[in-house]
Amino acid sequence: MSFGAASYLYLAAAIVSEVIGTSALKASNEFTRPVPTMIMLAAFLSAFYFLTLTLRTIPVGVAYAIWSGVGIVMISIIARVLFGQKLDPPAIIGMALIVAGVLVINLFSKSTAH
């Protein structure tokens, strides 16, 4: 595995951890439920740890763009499934544009670690 590929695995772990943390944040009910609150804290610490490993080779702006774009889509899906939150067509179109932006960065930018 090349070092660049490892960085993307670290980034994936950071994103998944952040999505778990955000989901647990919602479930914590304003920190009144101890178990979701502890999951949230552990997940956010893990997310930032993996992000620091990512930043060894992927520029911070690119890493954050991917983190944000993928995270928005993932948390929106989880919010729908777990919390029954619905998205209207403009929200779905906006997220599709975000995904398109992440793809453009990864496929065409010379700023990424290919």
Protein backbone atom coordinates (compact mmCIF):
# COMPACT_ATOMS: atom_id res chain seq x y z
CA MET A 1 0.00 0.00 0.00
CA SER A 2 1.45 3.33 -0.97
CA PHE A 3 1.62 6.12 1.59
CA GLY A 4 -1.07 8.05 -0.34
CA ALA A 5 -3.46 5.12 -0.13
CA ALA A 6 -2.88 4.89 3.63
CA SER A 7 -3.74 8.57 3.94
CA TYR A 8 -7.06 8.00 2.24
CA LEU A 9 -7.78 5.10 4.59
CA TYR A 10 -7.00 7.40 7.52
CA LEU A 11 -9.31 10.01 6.00
CA ALA A 12 -12.07 7.41 5.63
CA ALA A 13 -11.63 6.43 9.28
CA ALA A 14 -11.77 10.10 10.27
CA ILE A 15 -14.98 10.63 8.31
CA VAL A 16 -16.68 7.53 9.70
CA SER A 17 -15.63 8.49 13.24
CA GLU A 18 -16.97 12.01 12.76
CA VAL A 19 -20.30 10.70 11.46
CA ILE A 20 -20.58 8.36 14.44
CA GLY A 21 -19.77 11.29 16.74
CA THR A 22 -22.35 13.54 15.12
CA SER A 23 -25.00 10.81 15.30
CA ALA A 24 -24.19 10.24 18.96
CA LEU A 25 -24.33 14.00 19.56
CA LYS A 26 -27.93 13.99 18.36
CA ALA A 27 -28.69 10.90 20.45
CA SER A 28 -27.06 12.45 23.55
CA ASN A 29 -30.08 14.75 23.90
CA GLU A 30 -27.99 17.78 24.85
CA PHE A 31 -25.52 15.65 26.88
CA THR A 32 -28.27 14.33 29.17
CA ARG A 33 -27.72 10.70 28.11
CA PRO A 34 -24.31 9.43 29.31
CA VAL A 35 -23.72 6.56 26.86
CA PRO A 36 -24.28 8.55 23.64
CA THR A 37 -22.27 11.41 25.16
CA MET A 38 -19.30 9.10 25.82
CA ILE A 39 -19.58 7.60 22.32
CA MET A 40 -19.60 11.12 20.89
CA LEU A 41 -16.46 12.13 22.78
CA ALA A 42 -14.57 8.97 21.78
CA ALA A 43 -15.67 9.26 18.16
CA PHE A 44 -14.67 12.92 17.83
CA LEU A 45 -11.27 12.26 19.42
CA SER A 46 -10.77 9.37 17.03
CA ALA A 47 -11.87 11.49 14.07
CA PHE A 48 -9.36 14.21 14.80
CA TYR A 49 -6.58 11.71 15.46
CA PHE A 50 -7.14 10.07 12.08
CA LEU A 51 -7.36 13.48 10.44
CA THR A 52 -3.91 14.35 11.79
CA LEU A 53 -2.54 11.19 10.18
CA THR A 54 -4.24 12.13 6.93
CA LEU A 55 -2.59 15.54 6.92
CA ARG A 56 0.85 13.96 6.62
CA THR A 57 0.35 13.76 2.85
CA ILE A 58 -2.99 15.27 1.89
CA PRO A 59 -3.19 19.08 1.98
CA VAL A 60 -5.49 20.37 4.72
CA GLY A 61 -7.86 22.15 2.32
CA VAL A 62 -8.33 19.06 0.19
CA ALA A 63 -8.71 16.76 3.19
CA TYR A 64 -11.28 19.08 4.75
CA ALA A 65 -13.22 19.37 1.50
CA ILE A 66 -13.45 15.59 1.24
CA TRP A 67 -14.23 15.24 4.97
CA SER A 68 -17.01 17.82 4.73
CA GLY A 69 -18.54 16.58 1.50
CA VAL A 70 -18.61 12.90 2.35
CA GLY A 71 -19.60 13.63 5.95
CA ILE A 72 -22.57 15.77 4.90
CA VAL A 73 -23.93 13.03 2.67
CA MET A 74 -23.33 10.25 5.20
CA ILE A 75 -24.88 12.13 8.14
CA SER A 76 -27.89 13.07 6.01
CA ILE A 77 -28.50 9.41 5.19
CA ILE A 78 -28.11 8.40 8.83
CA ALA A 79 -30.37 11.25 9.97
CA ARG A 80 -33.05 9.95 7.61
CA VAL A 81 -32.72 6.35 8.74
CA LEU A 82 -32.24 6.84 12.48
CA PHE A 83 -34.05 10.10 13.19
CA GLY A 84 -36.64 10.28 10.39
CA GLN A 85 -35.34 13.59 9.06
CA LYS A 86 -36.36 14.21 5.46
CA LEU A 87 -34.58 16.22 2.79
CA ASP A 88 -36.34 18.32 0.18
CA PRO A 89 -35.24 18.37 -3.48
CA PRO A 90 -33.04 21.51 -3.13
CA ALA A 91 -31.14 19.84 -0.26
CA ILE A 92 -30.61 16.70 -2.33
CA ILE A 93 -29.44 18.75 -5.32
CA GLY A 94 -27.06 20.69 -3.09
CA MET A 95 -25.56 17.49 -1.73
CA ALA A 96 -25.17 16.11 -5.24
CA LEU A 97 -23.19 19.25 -6.12
CA ILE A 98 -21.00 18.72 -3.06
CA VAL A 99 -20.30 15.13 -4.11
CA ALA A 100 -19.51 16.38 -7.62
CA GLY A 101 -17.05 18.87 -6.13
CA VAL A 102 -15.30 16.15 -4.14
CA LEU A 103 -15.03 14.04 -7.29
CA VAL A 104 -13.57 16.95 -9.27
CA ILE A 105 -10.98 17.52 -6.55
CA ASN A 106 -9.98 13.87 -6.44
CA LEU A 107 -10.00 13.19 -10.15
CA PHE A 108 -8.60 16.38 -11.61
CA SER A 109 -6.78 18.43 -8.97
CA LYS A 110 -3.01 18.27 -8.78
CA SER A 111 -3.31 19.24 -5.10
CA THR A 112 -4.34 15.76 -3.98
CA ALA A 113 -2.05 12.88 -3.12
CA HIS A 114 -2.73 10.47 -6.02
